[in-house]
N, C-alpha and C. Protein backbone atom coordinates (compact mmCIF):
# COMPACT_ATOMS: atom_id res chain seq x y z
N MET A 1 -2.85 19.32 -17.46
CA MET A 1 -1.96 19.53 -16.38
C MET A 1 -0.66 18.77 -16.73
N ARG A 2 0.47 19.41 -16.74
CA ARG A 2 1.73 18.80 -17.07
C ARG A 2 2.76 18.96 -15.98
N PHE A 3 3.54 17.92 -15.72
CA PHE A 3 4.59 18.04 -14.71
C PHE A 3 5.89 17.54 -15.41
N SER A 4 6.93 18.23 -15.02
CA SER A 4 8.29 17.80 -15.59
C SER A 4 8.68 16.52 -14.97
N GLY A 5 9.51 15.79 -15.63
CA GLY A 5 9.95 14.49 -15.21
C GLY A 5 10.70 14.52 -13.88
N ASN A 6 11.20 15.73 -13.45
CA ASN A 6 11.95 15.77 -12.18
C ASN A 6 11.12 16.28 -11.06
N THR A 7 9.72 16.36 -11.19
CA THR A 7 8.91 16.76 -10.06
C THR A 7 8.71 15.57 -9.09
N ALA A 8 8.93 15.82 -7.77
CA ALA A 8 8.79 14.73 -6.82
C ALA A 8 7.35 14.32 -6.72
N ASP A 9 7.11 13.00 -6.57
CA ASP A 9 5.72 12.44 -6.56
C ASP A 9 4.89 13.11 -5.54
N VAL A 10 5.36 13.38 -4.34
CA VAL A 10 4.53 13.95 -3.30
C VAL A 10 4.01 15.35 -3.80
N ASN A 11 4.75 16.11 -4.50
CA ASN A 11 4.35 17.43 -5.00
C ASN A 11 3.34 17.20 -6.08
N THR A 12 3.57 16.20 -6.96
CA THR A 12 2.62 15.90 -8.09
C THR A 12 1.32 15.53 -7.58
N PHE A 13 1.28 14.55 -6.60
CA PHE A 13 -0.02 14.14 -6.05
C PHE A 13 -0.73 15.20 -5.30
N SER A 14 -0.07 16.03 -4.54
CA SER A 14 -0.74 17.13 -3.85
C SER A 14 -1.40 18.13 -4.79
N GLN A 15 -0.68 18.42 -5.84
CA GLN A 15 -1.23 19.33 -6.80
C GLN A 15 -2.40 18.79 -7.61
N ILE A 16 -2.33 17.52 -8.00
CA ILE A 16 -3.38 16.87 -8.72
C ILE A 16 -4.62 16.82 -7.95
N ILE A 17 -4.51 16.40 -6.60
CA ILE A 17 -5.68 16.31 -5.74
C ILE A 17 -6.26 17.65 -5.47
N ALA A 18 -5.43 18.63 -5.30
CA ALA A 18 -6.04 20.05 -5.01
C ALA A 18 -6.70 20.47 -6.35
N ASP A 19 -6.16 20.22 -7.46
CA ASP A 19 -6.82 20.66 -8.74
C ASP A 19 -8.13 19.85 -8.97
N VAL A 20 -8.11 18.62 -8.75
CA VAL A 20 -9.37 17.85 -8.96
C VAL A 20 -10.42 18.22 -7.94
N ARG A 21 -10.07 18.48 -6.73
CA ARG A 21 -11.00 18.96 -5.70
C ARG A 21 -11.75 20.19 -6.11
N GLU A 22 -10.90 21.20 -6.62
CA GLU A 22 -11.43 22.49 -7.04
C GLU A 22 -12.17 22.39 -8.36
N ARG A 23 -11.74 21.67 -9.36
CA ARG A 23 -12.35 21.55 -10.61
C ARG A 23 -13.80 20.89 -10.47
N PHE A 24 -13.86 19.89 -9.68
CA PHE A 24 -15.19 19.19 -9.57
C PHE A 24 -15.89 19.48 -8.27
N GLN A 25 -15.35 20.41 -7.50
CA GLN A 25 -15.91 20.81 -6.24
C GLN A 25 -16.24 19.62 -5.23
N LEU A 26 -15.19 18.82 -5.08
CA LEU A 26 -15.33 17.63 -4.26
C LEU A 26 -15.01 17.92 -2.80
N THR A 27 -15.79 17.37 -2.01
CA THR A 27 -15.52 17.50 -0.54
C THR A 27 -14.81 16.29 0.05
N ARG A 28 -14.90 15.16 -0.73
CA ARG A 28 -14.18 13.94 -0.25
C ARG A 28 -13.38 13.34 -1.47
N VAL A 29 -12.17 13.03 -1.17
CA VAL A 29 -11.33 12.38 -2.17
C VAL A 29 -10.66 11.19 -1.50
N VAL A 30 -10.69 10.05 -2.21
CA VAL A 30 -9.95 8.89 -1.71
C VAL A 30 -8.91 8.49 -2.75
N PHE A 31 -7.66 8.55 -2.34
CA PHE A 31 -6.51 8.23 -3.20
C PHE A 31 -6.39 6.73 -3.19
N VAL A 32 -6.18 6.10 -4.42
CA VAL A 32 -6.02 4.70 -4.49
C VAL A 32 -4.71 4.56 -5.24
N GLY A 33 -3.82 3.72 -4.71
CA GLY A 33 -2.55 3.48 -5.38
C GLY A 33 -1.91 2.14 -5.04
N ASP A 34 -1.08 1.70 -5.95
CA ASP A 34 -0.41 0.39 -5.58
C ASP A 34 0.93 0.69 -5.04
N ARG A 35 1.68 -0.37 -4.61
CA ARG A 35 2.94 -0.17 -3.88
C ARG A 35 3.99 0.52 -4.69
N GLY A 36 3.89 0.56 -6.01
CA GLY A 36 4.88 1.25 -6.88
C GLY A 36 4.58 2.74 -6.90
N MET A 37 3.48 3.19 -6.44
CA MET A 37 3.20 4.57 -6.53
C MET A 37 3.32 5.39 -5.17
N VAL A 38 3.39 4.61 -4.14
CA VAL A 38 3.35 5.27 -2.83
C VAL A 38 4.70 5.30 -2.20
N SER A 39 4.98 6.28 -1.38
CA SER A 39 6.11 6.39 -0.51
C SER A 39 5.70 6.89 0.92
N GLN A 40 6.60 6.76 1.86
CA GLN A 40 6.27 7.28 3.17
C GLN A 40 5.90 8.81 3.09
N ASP A 41 6.59 9.55 2.28
CA ASP A 41 6.35 10.95 2.10
C ASP A 41 4.96 11.28 1.56
N ILE A 42 4.48 10.47 0.60
CA ILE A 42 3.17 10.58 0.04
C ILE A 42 2.06 10.29 1.11
N LEU A 43 2.25 9.17 1.78
CA LEU A 43 1.35 8.80 2.87
C LEU A 43 1.28 9.94 4.01
N LYS A 44 2.49 10.43 4.30
CA LYS A 44 2.40 11.50 5.34
C LYS A 44 1.71 12.73 4.84
N ASP A 45 1.95 13.07 3.60
CA ASP A 45 1.25 14.27 3.04
C ASP A 45 -0.24 14.01 2.99
N LEU A 46 -0.72 12.83 2.57
CA LEU A 46 -2.08 12.51 2.50
C LEU A 46 -2.69 12.55 3.96
N ASP A 47 -2.01 12.08 4.95
CA ASP A 47 -2.45 12.08 6.33
C ASP A 47 -2.62 13.55 6.81
N GLU A 48 -1.55 14.38 6.54
CA GLU A 48 -1.57 15.77 6.95
C GLU A 48 -2.76 16.50 6.34
N LYS A 49 -3.11 16.16 5.15
CA LYS A 49 -4.20 16.85 4.43
C LYS A 49 -5.51 16.22 4.64
N HIS A 50 -5.61 15.18 5.49
CA HIS A 50 -6.79 14.49 5.84
C HIS A 50 -7.43 13.88 4.58
N ILE A 51 -6.60 13.35 3.69
CA ILE A 51 -7.08 12.72 2.53
C ILE A 51 -7.11 11.19 2.75
N GLU A 52 -8.22 10.55 2.55
CA GLU A 52 -8.28 9.09 2.80
C GLU A 52 -7.56 8.39 1.59
N TYR A 53 -7.16 7.21 1.94
CA TYR A 53 -6.39 6.44 0.89
C TYR A 53 -6.54 5.02 1.07
N ILE A 54 -6.31 4.24 -0.04
CA ILE A 54 -6.28 2.84 -0.07
C ILE A 54 -5.06 2.55 -0.91
N VAL A 55 -4.11 1.86 -0.28
CA VAL A 55 -2.85 1.53 -0.92
C VAL A 55 -2.40 0.10 -0.71
N GLY A 56 -1.74 -0.40 -1.67
CA GLY A 56 -1.12 -1.78 -1.60
C GLY A 56 0.26 -1.54 -1.12
N MET A 57 0.72 -2.21 -0.12
CA MET A 57 2.05 -2.11 0.39
C MET A 57 2.62 -3.47 0.77
N ARG A 58 3.91 -3.65 0.69
CA ARG A 58 4.55 -4.79 1.26
C ARG A 58 4.59 -4.60 2.80
N MET A 59 4.46 -5.75 3.48
CA MET A 59 4.39 -5.64 4.88
C MET A 59 5.66 -5.06 5.58
N ARG A 60 6.82 -5.34 4.97
CA ARG A 60 8.05 -4.81 5.52
C ARG A 60 8.14 -3.33 5.52
N LYS A 61 7.17 -2.56 4.81
CA LYS A 61 7.17 -1.13 4.78
C LYS A 61 6.35 -0.59 5.88
N VAL A 62 5.55 -1.42 6.56
CA VAL A 62 4.62 -0.99 7.56
C VAL A 62 5.40 -0.92 8.89
N LYS A 63 5.39 0.22 9.56
CA LYS A 63 6.22 0.42 10.73
C LYS A 63 5.81 -0.49 11.94
N ASP A 64 4.51 -0.77 12.07
CA ASP A 64 4.02 -1.59 13.20
C ASP A 64 3.56 -2.99 12.70
N VAL A 65 4.50 -3.59 11.97
CA VAL A 65 4.11 -4.83 11.26
C VAL A 65 3.66 -5.93 12.24
N GLY A 66 4.26 -5.98 13.40
CA GLY A 66 3.88 -7.05 14.41
C GLY A 66 2.41 -6.82 14.81
N GLU A 67 1.98 -5.66 15.05
CA GLU A 67 0.58 -5.37 15.38
C GLU A 67 -0.40 -5.74 14.34
N VAL A 68 0.04 -5.45 13.08
CA VAL A 68 -0.80 -5.68 11.93
C VAL A 68 -0.97 -7.18 11.68
N LEU A 69 0.00 -7.91 12.04
CA LEU A 69 0.00 -9.38 11.66
C LEU A 69 -0.96 -10.19 12.58
N GLY A 70 -1.43 -9.55 13.71
CA GLY A 70 -2.36 -10.27 14.60
C GLY A 70 -3.61 -10.59 13.97
N GLY A 71 -4.40 -11.44 14.52
CA GLY A 71 -5.69 -11.82 13.99
C GLY A 71 -5.72 -13.02 13.13
N ARG A 72 -6.90 -13.49 12.81
CA ARG A 72 -7.04 -14.68 12.02
C ARG A 72 -7.41 -14.45 10.56
N TYR A 73 -6.89 -15.22 9.72
CA TYR A 73 -7.19 -15.19 8.22
C TYR A 73 -8.51 -15.89 7.99
N ARG A 74 -9.05 -15.41 6.94
CA ARG A 74 -10.27 -16.02 6.38
C ARG A 74 -9.93 -16.44 4.94
N ILE A 75 -10.26 -17.74 4.57
CA ILE A 75 -9.84 -18.22 3.23
C ILE A 75 -10.83 -17.63 2.26
N VAL A 76 -10.39 -16.93 1.22
CA VAL A 76 -11.26 -16.44 0.16
C VAL A 76 -11.27 -17.41 -1.01
N LYS A 77 -10.14 -17.85 -1.35
CA LYS A 77 -9.97 -18.92 -2.37
C LYS A 77 -8.85 -19.90 -1.84
N GLY A 78 -8.70 -20.99 -2.51
CA GLY A 78 -7.77 -22.01 -2.08
C GLY A 78 -6.32 -21.39 -1.87
N ASN A 79 -6.01 -20.44 -2.64
CA ASN A 79 -4.61 -19.89 -2.49
C ASN A 79 -4.60 -18.45 -2.00
N LEU A 80 -5.76 -17.98 -1.39
CA LEU A 80 -5.70 -16.65 -0.94
C LEU A 80 -6.41 -16.48 0.45
N LYS A 81 -5.77 -16.00 1.37
CA LYS A 81 -6.32 -15.69 2.72
C LYS A 81 -6.25 -14.16 3.04
N VAL A 82 -7.24 -13.67 3.75
CA VAL A 82 -7.27 -12.27 4.02
C VAL A 82 -7.80 -12.14 5.46
N LYS A 83 -7.40 -11.00 6.06
CA LYS A 83 -7.92 -10.61 7.33
C LYS A 83 -7.85 -9.11 7.50
N GLU A 84 -8.81 -8.57 8.33
CA GLU A 84 -8.88 -7.21 8.59
C GLU A 84 -8.30 -6.96 9.94
N VAL A 85 -7.43 -5.95 10.04
CA VAL A 85 -6.77 -5.61 11.33
C VAL A 85 -6.84 -4.12 11.47
N TRP A 86 -7.31 -3.63 12.71
CA TRP A 86 -7.30 -2.25 13.00
C TRP A 86 -6.10 -2.03 14.01
N TYR A 87 -5.34 -1.04 13.67
CA TYR A 87 -4.24 -0.60 14.54
C TYR A 87 -4.26 0.90 14.67
N ASP A 88 -4.48 1.36 15.94
CA ASP A 88 -4.73 2.83 16.10
C ASP A 88 -5.95 3.15 15.29
N ALA A 89 -5.87 4.18 14.41
CA ALA A 89 -6.95 4.56 13.62
C ALA A 89 -6.81 4.03 12.20
N ASP A 90 -5.83 3.14 11.98
CA ASP A 90 -5.57 2.67 10.64
C ASP A 90 -6.20 1.21 10.47
N ARG A 91 -6.79 1.03 9.29
CA ARG A 91 -7.34 -0.28 8.97
C ARG A 91 -6.50 -0.94 7.90
N TYR A 92 -6.17 -2.13 8.18
CA TYR A 92 -5.30 -2.96 7.31
C TYR A 92 -6.12 -4.10 6.81
N ILE A 93 -6.02 -4.39 5.50
CA ILE A 93 -6.61 -5.59 4.91
C ILE A 93 -5.35 -6.40 4.53
N VAL A 94 -5.04 -7.45 5.20
CA VAL A 94 -3.80 -8.18 4.94
C VAL A 94 -4.13 -9.44 4.17
N CYS A 95 -3.46 -9.60 3.03
CA CYS A 95 -3.64 -10.76 2.17
C CYS A 95 -2.41 -11.65 2.18
N HIS A 96 -2.72 -12.93 2.16
CA HIS A 96 -1.53 -13.90 2.04
C HIS A 96 -1.92 -14.94 1.05
N ASN A 97 -0.96 -15.21 0.15
CA ASN A 97 -1.06 -16.22 -0.84
C ASN A 97 0.10 -17.16 -0.64
N PRO A 98 -0.18 -18.35 0.03
CA PRO A 98 0.96 -19.22 0.28
C PRO A 98 1.74 -19.81 -0.95
N VAL A 99 0.93 -19.93 -2.07
CA VAL A 99 1.56 -20.34 -3.31
C VAL A 99 2.60 -19.27 -3.78
N GLN A 100 2.13 -18.04 -3.77
CA GLN A 100 3.03 -16.96 -4.16
C GLN A 100 4.15 -16.75 -3.19
N ALA A 101 3.89 -16.89 -1.94
CA ALA A 101 4.96 -16.81 -0.85
C ALA A 101 6.02 -17.83 -0.98
N GLU A 102 5.67 -19.03 -1.41
CA GLU A 102 6.63 -20.05 -1.65
C GLU A 102 7.50 -19.77 -2.84
N HIS A 103 6.84 -19.26 -3.92
CA HIS A 103 7.58 -18.85 -5.11
C HIS A 103 8.51 -17.71 -4.83
N ASP A 104 8.07 -16.70 -4.12
CA ASP A 104 8.88 -15.61 -3.69
C ASP A 104 10.11 -16.02 -2.89
N LYS A 105 9.83 -16.99 -2.01
CA LYS A 105 10.91 -17.51 -1.08
C LYS A 105 12.03 -18.21 -1.91
N LYS A 106 11.58 -18.98 -2.89
CA LYS A 106 12.54 -19.66 -3.76
C LYS A 106 13.31 -18.64 -4.59
N ALA A 107 12.63 -17.64 -5.05
CA ALA A 107 13.30 -16.66 -5.89
C ALA A 107 14.35 -15.84 -5.12
N ARG A 108 14.24 -15.77 -3.87
CA ARG A 108 15.16 -15.03 -2.94
C ARG A 108 16.42 -15.85 -2.64
N VAL A 109 16.35 -17.16 -2.79
CA VAL A 109 17.53 -18.01 -2.43
C VAL A 109 18.62 -17.85 -3.45
N PRO A 110 19.83 -17.58 -3.05
CA PRO A 110 20.91 -17.39 -4.04
C PRO A 110 21.13 -18.69 -4.85
N GLU A 111 21.57 -18.56 -6.06
CA GLU A 111 21.84 -19.68 -6.96
C GLU A 111 22.55 -20.87 -6.27
N ALA A 112 23.67 -20.47 -5.53
CA ALA A 112 24.49 -21.49 -4.94
C ALA A 112 23.71 -22.25 -3.83
N GLY A 113 22.71 -21.67 -3.27
CA GLY A 113 21.96 -22.27 -2.17
C GLY A 113 20.81 -23.14 -2.66
N ARG A 114 20.52 -23.04 -3.94
CA ARG A 114 19.35 -23.82 -4.49
C ARG A 114 19.63 -25.25 -4.59
N THR A 115 18.58 -26.01 -4.34
CA THR A 115 18.64 -27.50 -4.51
C THR A 115 17.68 -27.90 -5.63
N ALA A 116 18.01 -28.94 -6.30
CA ALA A 116 17.18 -29.39 -7.42
C ALA A 116 15.95 -30.07 -6.98
């Protein structure tokens, strides 16, 4: 199966999923992707086709971020906390790494605003 470089991702994913379902006669497909692979259009298409998915996303991309942030974290490792949050019919696994968060925060500060 080949797709030209100018084919929209949502069309590519839909076609691949349909082809895999038919080829292997699957009744259930779970799409797994990272934040670089997904867009709101892809998620909407997966929802409309009732295809389950697991995706990594930045919290600012989630429309109901305030609702998802509720709940308590459980420490998995010294630098990793996780929590499970259900909102409507959606399940979120929220991860927080305070070490990485501090690093990201410093990286966002403009050069002129940095202190030694």
